[in-house]
Amino acid sequence: MAAAFATVEDYEARAAVTLPEGSPRRRQVEVYLDDASAIMRRHIPAGHNPAEDTLRAIAVAVVRRVMANPGGYRQRTIGQYSESLGEDGGLYLTADEIAQLQPEDVIDPGADAAYSVGLADQGLPGWAPDPADYGGRWL
């Protein structure tokens, strides 16, 4: 099994929590970091290597979402108290996070892109553009 993109210590630093060694919650975060990393790997194109800092930040963000709202609730009501939650819970990547796992653009040397190149040797004597052809064909 491949290593997770973030550690429990990374999670603790970003969530401002301390998870004692051997605690069930610490183990839960470890497993969620492994799960988040596996989901992220499915969205990284072959041959592309996103920055380690980006991978770490996304893995922790995914785990923070699921730890804050494991049931995926949008709203909860207890008696007269009602709360709307800003994010869905559960283990998922947002569209922005998926985009960060992709190459930046086709100019990126690591990007997978198809392209074509038109070739015309305009340097040989006797070649001239065909005045009847606006497509730039050579005689």
N, C-alpha and C. Protein backbone atom coordinates (compact mmCIF):
# COMPACT_ATOMS: atom_id res chain seq x y z
N MET A 1 0.85 -1.19 0.00
CA MET A 1 0.00 0.00 0.00
C MET A 1 0.89 1.24 0.00
N ALA A 2 0.54 2.20 -0.84
CA ALA A 2 1.32 3.43 -0.95
C ALA A 2 1.12 4.29 0.29
N ALA A 3 2.11 5.08 0.59
CA ALA A 3 2.06 5.95 1.77
C ALA A 3 1.04 7.08 1.55
N ALA A 4 0.45 7.52 2.64
CA ALA A 4 -0.49 8.64 2.59
C ALA A 4 0.28 9.92 2.27
N PHE A 5 -0.41 10.87 1.65
CA PHE A 5 0.21 12.14 1.29
C PHE A 5 0.40 13.06 2.49
N ALA A 6 -0.21 12.75 3.62
CA ALA A 6 -0.08 13.58 4.83
C ALA A 6 -0.01 12.66 6.04
N THR A 7 0.50 13.19 7.13
CA THR A 7 0.62 12.44 8.38
C THR A 7 -0.40 12.95 9.39
N VAL A 8 -0.54 12.20 10.47
CA VAL A 8 -1.42 12.65 11.55
C VAL A 8 -0.90 13.97 12.11
N GLU A 9 0.41 14.14 12.15
CA GLU A 9 0.99 15.39 12.65
C GLU A 9 0.61 16.57 11.75
N ASP A 10 0.57 16.34 10.43
CA ASP A 10 0.12 17.38 9.51
C ASP A 10 -1.33 17.76 9.82
N TYR A 11 -2.15 16.76 10.06
CA TYR A 11 -3.56 17.00 10.39
C TYR A 11 -3.66 17.78 11.70
N GLU A 12 -2.92 17.35 12.73
CA GLU A 12 -2.97 18.02 14.04
C GLU A 12 -2.59 19.49 13.91
N ALA A 13 -1.55 19.78 13.13
CA ALA A 13 -1.08 21.17 12.99
C ALA A 13 -2.14 22.04 12.31
N ARG A 14 -2.81 21.50 11.32
CA ARG A 14 -3.77 22.29 10.57
C ARG A 14 -5.14 22.35 11.24
N ALA A 15 -5.49 21.34 12.02
CA ALA A 15 -6.78 21.32 12.70
C ALA A 15 -6.68 21.86 14.13
N ALA A 16 -5.47 22.18 14.57
CA ALA A 16 -5.24 22.70 15.93
C ALA A 16 -5.80 21.75 16.98
N VAL A 17 -5.49 20.45 16.83
CA VAL A 17 -5.90 19.44 17.80
C VAL A 17 -4.70 18.58 18.15
N THR A 18 -4.82 17.87 19.26
CA THR A 18 -3.82 16.88 19.66
C THR A 18 -4.52 15.55 19.78
N LEU A 19 -4.00 14.57 19.07
CA LEU A 19 -4.58 13.22 19.10
C LEU A 19 -3.58 12.30 19.79
N PRO A 20 -3.88 11.87 21.01
CA PRO A 20 -2.93 11.04 21.77
C PRO A 20 -2.62 9.72 21.05
N GLU A 21 -1.37 9.29 21.20
CA GLU A 21 -0.94 8.01 20.63
C GLU A 21 -1.88 6.90 21.10
N GLY A 22 -2.27 6.03 20.18
CA GLY A 22 -3.10 4.89 20.53
C GLY A 22 -4.58 5.19 20.67
N SER A 23 -4.98 6.45 20.51
CA SER A 23 -6.41 6.78 20.66
C SER A 23 -7.18 6.36 19.41
N PRO A 24 -8.44 5.99 19.58
CA PRO A 24 -9.25 5.61 18.43
C PRO A 24 -9.38 6.74 17.40
N ARG A 25 -9.46 7.96 17.88
CA ARG A 25 -9.59 9.11 16.96
C ARG A 25 -8.33 9.27 16.11
N ARG A 26 -7.15 9.06 16.71
CA ARG A 26 -5.89 9.15 15.97
C ARG A 26 -5.86 8.07 14.88
N ARG A 27 -6.27 6.86 15.23
CA ARG A 27 -6.31 5.78 14.25
C ARG A 27 -7.29 6.09 13.12
N GLN A 28 -8.42 6.70 13.47
CA GLN A 28 -9.41 7.09 12.47
C GLN A 28 -8.81 8.10 11.49
N VAL A 29 -8.09 9.08 11.99
CA VAL A 29 -7.46 10.07 11.12
C VAL A 29 -6.42 9.39 10.22
N GLU A 30 -5.64 8.47 10.76
CA GLU A 30 -4.65 7.73 9.95
C GLU A 30 -5.32 7.02 8.78
N VAL A 31 -6.41 6.33 9.07
CA VAL A 31 -7.12 5.58 8.03
C VAL A 31 -7.74 6.53 7.01
N TYR A 32 -8.33 7.63 7.48
CA TYR A 32 -8.91 8.60 6.55
C TYR A 32 -7.83 9.23 5.66
N LEU A 33 -6.64 9.48 6.20
CA LEU A 33 -5.55 10.01 5.37
C LEU A 33 -5.16 9.02 4.28
N ASP A 34 -5.13 7.73 4.62
CA ASP A 34 -4.86 6.70 3.61
C ASP A 34 -5.96 6.69 2.55
N ASP A 35 -7.22 6.76 3.00
CA ASP A 35 -8.35 6.75 2.07
C ASP A 35 -8.34 7.98 1.16
N ALA A 36 -8.11 9.15 1.75
CA ALA A 36 -8.07 10.39 0.96
C ALA A 36 -6.96 10.32 -0.09
N SER A 37 -5.81 9.79 0.30
CA SER A 37 -4.69 9.67 -0.64
C SER A 37 -5.02 8.72 -1.78
N ALA A 38 -5.73 7.63 -1.48
CA ALA A 38 -6.13 6.68 -2.53
C ALA A 38 -7.10 7.35 -3.51
N ILE A 39 -8.04 8.12 -2.99
CA ILE A 39 -8.99 8.83 -3.85
C ILE A 39 -8.25 9.85 -4.71
N MET A 40 -7.31 10.55 -4.13
CA MET A 40 -6.53 11.55 -4.87
C MET A 40 -5.73 10.91 -6.00
N ARG A 41 -5.14 9.75 -5.74
CA ARG A 41 -4.33 9.07 -6.76
C ARG A 41 -5.14 8.76 -8.02
N ARG A 42 -6.42 8.53 -7.85
CA ARG A 42 -7.29 8.22 -9.01
C ARG A 42 -7.45 9.43 -9.92
N HIS A 43 -7.18 10.64 -9.42
CA HIS A 43 -7.37 11.86 -10.21
C HIS A 43 -6.05 12.46 -10.72
N ILE A 44 -4.93 11.82 -10.42
CA ILE A 44 -3.63 12.33 -10.87
C ILE A 44 -3.26 11.60 -12.16
N PRO A 45 -3.10 12.34 -13.27
CA PRO A 45 -2.76 11.69 -14.53
C PRO A 45 -1.39 11.00 -14.47
N ALA A 46 -1.27 9.91 -15.23
CA ALA A 46 0.01 9.19 -15.29
C ALA A 46 1.11 10.13 -15.75
N GLY A 47 2.23 10.07 -15.08
CA GLY A 47 3.38 10.89 -15.44
C GLY A 47 3.38 12.28 -14.82
N HIS A 48 2.29 12.66 -14.16
CA HIS A 48 2.24 13.99 -13.53
C HIS A 48 2.49 13.85 -12.04
N ASN A 49 3.32 14.70 -11.51
CA ASN A 49 3.65 14.67 -10.08
C ASN A 49 3.33 16.02 -9.45
N PRO A 50 2.15 16.18 -8.85
CA PRO A 50 1.83 17.45 -8.18
C PRO A 50 2.81 17.71 -7.03
N ALA A 51 2.94 18.95 -6.64
CA ALA A 51 3.83 19.33 -5.55
C ALA A 51 3.41 18.64 -4.25
N GLU A 52 4.38 18.23 -3.47
CA GLU A 52 4.10 17.54 -2.20
C GLU A 52 3.26 18.40 -1.27
N ASP A 53 3.53 19.70 -1.24
CA ASP A 53 2.74 20.60 -0.38
C ASP A 53 1.27 20.61 -0.79
N THR A 54 1.02 20.57 -2.09
CA THR A 54 -0.36 20.54 -2.59
C THR A 54 -1.03 19.24 -2.18
N LEU A 55 -0.34 18.12 -2.35
CA LEU A 55 -0.89 16.82 -1.97
C LEU A 55 -1.22 16.77 -0.48
N ARG A 56 -0.31 17.29 0.34
CA ARG A 56 -0.51 17.30 1.79
C ARG A 56 -1.72 18.16 2.15
N ALA A 57 -1.81 19.35 1.58
CA ALA A 57 -2.90 20.27 1.89
C ALA A 57 -4.26 19.68 1.51
N ILE A 58 -4.34 19.05 0.35
CA ILE A 58 -5.61 18.46 -0.10
C ILE A 58 -5.99 17.29 0.79
N ALA A 59 -5.03 16.41 1.09
CA ALA A 59 -5.33 15.24 1.94
C ALA A 59 -5.86 15.68 3.30
N VAL A 60 -5.24 16.69 3.90
CA VAL A 60 -5.69 17.16 5.21
C VAL A 60 -7.07 17.81 5.09
N ALA A 61 -7.31 18.58 4.03
CA ALA A 61 -8.62 19.23 3.86
C ALA A 61 -9.73 18.19 3.73
N VAL A 62 -9.48 17.13 2.99
CA VAL A 62 -10.47 16.06 2.82
C VAL A 62 -10.79 15.42 4.18
N VAL A 63 -9.75 15.14 4.95
CA VAL A 63 -9.95 14.49 6.25
C VAL A 63 -10.62 15.44 7.24
N ARG A 64 -10.28 16.71 7.20
CA ARG A 64 -10.94 17.66 8.10
C ARG A 64 -12.43 17.72 7.82
N ARG A 65 -12.82 17.67 6.53
CA ARG A 65 -14.24 17.69 6.18
C ARG A 65 -14.96 16.49 6.78
N VAL A 66 -14.38 15.31 6.59
CA VAL A 66 -15.06 14.11 7.06
C VAL A 66 -15.06 14.03 8.59
N MET A 67 -14.03 14.53 9.24
CA MET A 67 -14.00 14.51 10.70
C MET A 67 -15.00 15.52 11.28
N ALA A 68 -15.19 16.65 10.61
CA ALA A 68 -16.12 17.68 11.11
C ALA A 68 -17.57 17.29 10.87
N ASN A 69 -17.83 16.52 9.82
CA ASN A 69 -19.20 16.19 9.46
C ASN A 69 -19.23 14.79 8.87
N PRO A 70 -18.98 13.76 9.68
CA PRO A 70 -18.87 12.40 9.15
C PRO A 70 -20.16 11.87 8.52
N GLY A 71 -21.29 12.37 8.93
CA GLY A 71 -22.56 11.89 8.39
C GLY A 71 -22.97 12.57 7.10
N GLY A 72 -22.27 13.63 6.73
CA GLY A 72 -22.61 14.35 5.50
C GLY A 72 -23.88 15.17 5.60
N TYR A 73 -24.20 15.65 6.79
CA TYR A 73 -25.43 16.42 6.99
C TYR A 73 -25.32 17.82 6.42
N ARG A 74 -26.42 18.34 5.89
CA ARG A 74 -26.48 19.72 5.42
C ARG A 74 -27.13 20.60 6.49
N GLN A 75 -27.99 20.01 7.31
CA GLN A 75 -28.66 20.76 8.35
C GLN A 75 -29.07 19.79 9.45
N ARG A 76 -29.04 20.27 10.68
CA ARG A 76 -29.52 19.45 11.79
C ARG A 76 -30.33 20.32 12.74
N THR A 77 -31.35 19.69 13.31
CA THR A 77 -32.24 20.39 14.23
C THR A 77 -32.42 19.54 15.47
N ILE A 78 -32.23 20.18 16.63
CA ILE A 78 -32.47 19.52 17.91
C ILE A 78 -33.37 20.47 18.70
N GLY A 79 -34.63 20.07 18.84
CA GLY A 79 -35.58 20.95 19.53
C GLY A 79 -35.75 22.24 18.75
N GLN A 80 -35.51 23.37 19.42
CA GLN A 80 -35.64 24.67 18.76
C GLN A 80 -34.32 25.11 18.12
N TYR A 81 -33.27 24.38 18.36
CA TYR A 81 -31.96 24.72 17.82
C TYR A 81 -31.81 24.12 16.42
N SER A 82 -31.39 24.93 15.44
CA SER A 82 -31.17 24.46 14.07
C SER A 82 -29.82 24.98 13.60
N GLU A 83 -29.11 24.16 12.85
CA GLU A 83 -27.80 24.53 12.35
C GLU A 83 -27.68 24.10 10.91
N SER A 84 -27.22 25.00 10.04
CA SER A 84 -26.92 24.67 8.64
C SER A 84 -25.41 24.55 8.52
N LEU A 85 -24.98 23.49 7.89
CA LEU A 85 -23.54 23.25 7.74
C LEU A 85 -23.08 23.73 6.38
N GLY A 86 -21.91 24.34 6.34
CA GLY A 86 -21.40 24.95 5.12
C GLY A 86 -20.93 23.97 4.09
N GLU A 87 -20.53 22.79 4.48
CA GLU A 87 -19.98 21.81 3.54
C GLU A 87 -20.63 20.46 3.76
N ASP A 88 -20.71 19.69 2.69
CA ASP A 88 -21.10 18.29 2.84
C ASP A 88 -20.00 17.59 3.60
N GLY A 89 -20.34 16.56 4.30
CA GLY A 89 -19.32 15.75 4.96
C GLY A 89 -18.97 14.58 4.07
N GLY A 90 -18.24 13.67 4.61
CA GLY A 90 -17.85 12.50 3.85
C GLY A 90 -16.50 12.69 3.20
N LEU A 91 -16.04 11.64 2.59
CA LEU A 91 -14.72 11.59 1.99
C LEU A 91 -14.85 11.85 0.50
N TYR A 92 -14.53 13.06 0.04
CA TYR A 92 -14.65 13.40 -1.37
C TYR A 92 -13.69 14.53 -1.69
N LEU A 93 -13.45 14.73 -2.98
CA LEU A 93 -12.64 15.84 -3.46
C LEU A 93 -13.55 16.87 -4.11
N THR A 94 -13.28 18.13 -3.89
CA THR A 94 -14.03 19.19 -4.57
C THR A 94 -13.48 19.34 -5.99
N ALA A 95 -14.22 20.03 -6.83
CA ALA A 95 -13.77 20.28 -8.21
C ALA A 95 -12.44 21.05 -8.20
N ASP A 96 -12.29 22.00 -7.27
CA ASP A 96 -11.05 22.76 -7.17
C ASP A 96 -9.88 21.86 -6.78
N GLU A 97 -10.11 20.95 -5.86
CA GLU A 97 -9.04 20.03 -5.44
C GLU A 97 -8.64 19.10 -6.58
N ILE A 98 -9.61 18.63 -7.34
CA ILE A 98 -9.30 17.77 -8.50
C ILE A 98 -8.48 18.57 -9.51
N ALA A 99 -8.85 19.83 -9.74
CA ALA A 99 -8.11 20.67 -10.68
C ALA A 99 -6.67 20.87 -10.23
N GLN A 100 -6.44 20.96 -8.93
CA GLN A 100 -5.08 21.14 -8.42
C GLN A 100 -4.22 19.88 -8.61
N LEU A 101 -4.86 18.74 -8.81
CA LEU A 101 -4.12 17.49 -9.04
C LEU A 101 -3.78 17.28 -10.51
N GLN A 102 -4.29 18.15 -11.38
CA GLN A 102 -4.06 18.05 -12.82
C GLN A 102 -2.89 18.96 -13.21
N PRO A 103 -2.26 18.68 -14.37
CA PRO A 103 -1.24 19.61 -14.87
C PRO A 103 -1.87 20.98 -15.08
N GLU A 104 -1.07 22.02 -14.94
CA GLU A 104 -1.60 23.39 -15.01
C GLU A 104 -2.22 23.71 -16.35
N ASP A 105 -1.54 23.40 -17.45
CA ASP A 105 -2.09 23.66 -18.78
C ASP A 105 -1.27 22.90 -19.81
N VAL A 106 -1.65 23.02 -21.07
CA VAL A 106 -0.96 22.27 -22.11
C VAL A 106 0.45 22.77 -22.37
N ILE A 107 0.79 23.95 -21.87
CA ILE A 107 2.15 24.46 -22.02
C ILE A 107 3.08 23.77 -21.02
N ASP A 108 2.51 23.25 -19.94
CA ASP A 108 3.27 22.51 -18.94
C ASP A 108 3.95 21.33 -19.63
N PRO A 109 5.26 21.18 -19.50
CA PRO A 109 5.94 20.09 -20.18
C PRO A 109 5.48 18.70 -19.74
N GLY A 110 4.94 18.59 -18.56
CA GLY A 110 4.47 17.30 -18.08
C GLY A 110 3.02 17.01 -18.47
N ALA A 111 2.37 17.95 -19.13
CA ALA A 111 0.96 17.78 -19.47
C ALA A 111 0.81 16.82 -20.64
N ASP A 112 -0.22 16.01 -20.56
CA ASP A 112 -0.56 15.12 -21.67
C ASP A 112 -1.46 15.92 -22.61
N ALA A 113 -0.98 16.16 -23.83
CA ALA A 113 -1.78 16.91 -24.78
C ALA A 113 -1.46 16.46 -26.19
N ALA A 114 -2.45 16.45 -27.04
CA ALA A 114 -2.25 16.14 -28.45
C ALA A 114 -2.20 17.45 -29.21
N TYR A 115 -1.37 17.52 -30.22
CA TYR A 115 -1.29 18.71 -31.03
C TYR A 115 -0.78 18.32 -32.41
N SER A 116 -0.92 19.21 -33.38
CA SER A 116 -0.40 18.97 -34.72
C SER A 116 0.43 20.17 -35.13
N VAL A 117 1.34 19.92 -36.04
CA VAL A 117 2.23 20.97 -36.52
C VAL A 117 2.13 20.97 -38.04
N GLY A 118 1.84 22.12 -38.60
CA GLY A 118 1.83 22.26 -40.05
C GLY A 118 3.23 22.58 -40.54
N LEU A 119 3.66 21.89 -41.58
CA LEU A 119 5.02 22.09 -42.09
C LEU A 119 4.96 22.64 -43.51
N ALA A 120 5.76 23.64 -43.80
CA ALA A 120 5.92 24.20 -45.15
C ALA A 120 7.31 24.78 -45.23
N ASP A 121 8.04 24.38 -46.22
CA ASP A 121 9.39 24.90 -46.42
C ASP A 121 9.28 26.09 -47.37
N GLN A 122 9.37 27.27 -46.83
CA GLN A 122 9.22 28.47 -47.63
C GLN A 122 10.56 29.02 -48.07
N GLY A 123 11.64 28.32 -47.78
CA GLY A 123 12.97 28.84 -48.07
C GLY A 123 13.56 28.38 -49.38
N LEU A 124 12.93 27.45 -50.10
CA LEU A 124 13.52 26.97 -51.36
C LEU A 124 13.21 27.93 -52.51
N PRO A 125 14.15 28.12 -53.43
CA PRO A 125 13.89 29.01 -54.56
C PRO A 125 12.78 28.43 -55.44
N GLY A 126 11.96 29.31 -55.97
CA GLY A 126 10.90 28.89 -56.86
C GLY A 126 9.57 28.66 -56.16
N TRP A 127 9.54 28.67 -54.85
CA TRP A 127 8.29 28.49 -54.13
C TRP A 127 7.62 29.85 -53.98
N ALA A 128 6.33 29.86 -54.22
CA ALA A 128 5.58 31.10 -54.07
C ALA A 128 4.16 30.74 -53.64
N PRO A 129 3.52 31.60 -52.88
CA PRO A 129 2.14 31.31 -52.49
C PRO A 129 1.22 31.31 -53.71
N ASP A 130 0.24 30.43 -53.69
CA ASP A 130 -0.75 30.35 -54.76
C ASP A 130 -1.72 31.50 -54.58
N PRO A 131 -1.78 32.45 -55.51
CA PRO A 131 -2.65 33.62 -55.33
C PRO A 131 -4.13 33.25 -55.32
N ALA A 132 -4.52 32.09 -55.87
CA ALA A 132 -5.92 31.69 -55.89
C ALA A 132 -6.34 30.97 -54.62
N ASP A 133 -5.37 30.63 -53.79
CA ASP A 133 -5.67 29.85 -52.57
C ASP A 133 -5.42 30.70 -51.34
N TYR A 134 -6.47 30.93 -50.58
CA TYR A 134 -6.32 31.72 -49.37
C TYR A 134 -5.89 30.86 -48.18
N GLY A 135 -5.77 29.54 -48.37
CA GLY A 135 -5.38 28.64 -47.29
C GLY A 135 -3.88 28.56 -47.11
N GLY A 136 -3.11 29.24 -47.96
CA GLY A 136 -1.66 29.25 -47.78
C GLY A 136 -0.97 28.03 -48.36
N ARG A 137 -1.57 27.36 -49.35
CA ARG A 137 -0.95 26.21 -49.98
C ARG A 137 0.22 26.66 -50.85
N TRP A 138 1.23 25.86 -50.98
CA TRP A 138 2.42 26.23 -51.76
C TRP A 138 2.46 25.45 -53.05
N LEU A 139 2.96 26.07 -54.10
CA LEU A 139 3.09 25.41 -55.42
C LEU A 139 4.33 24.57 -55.48
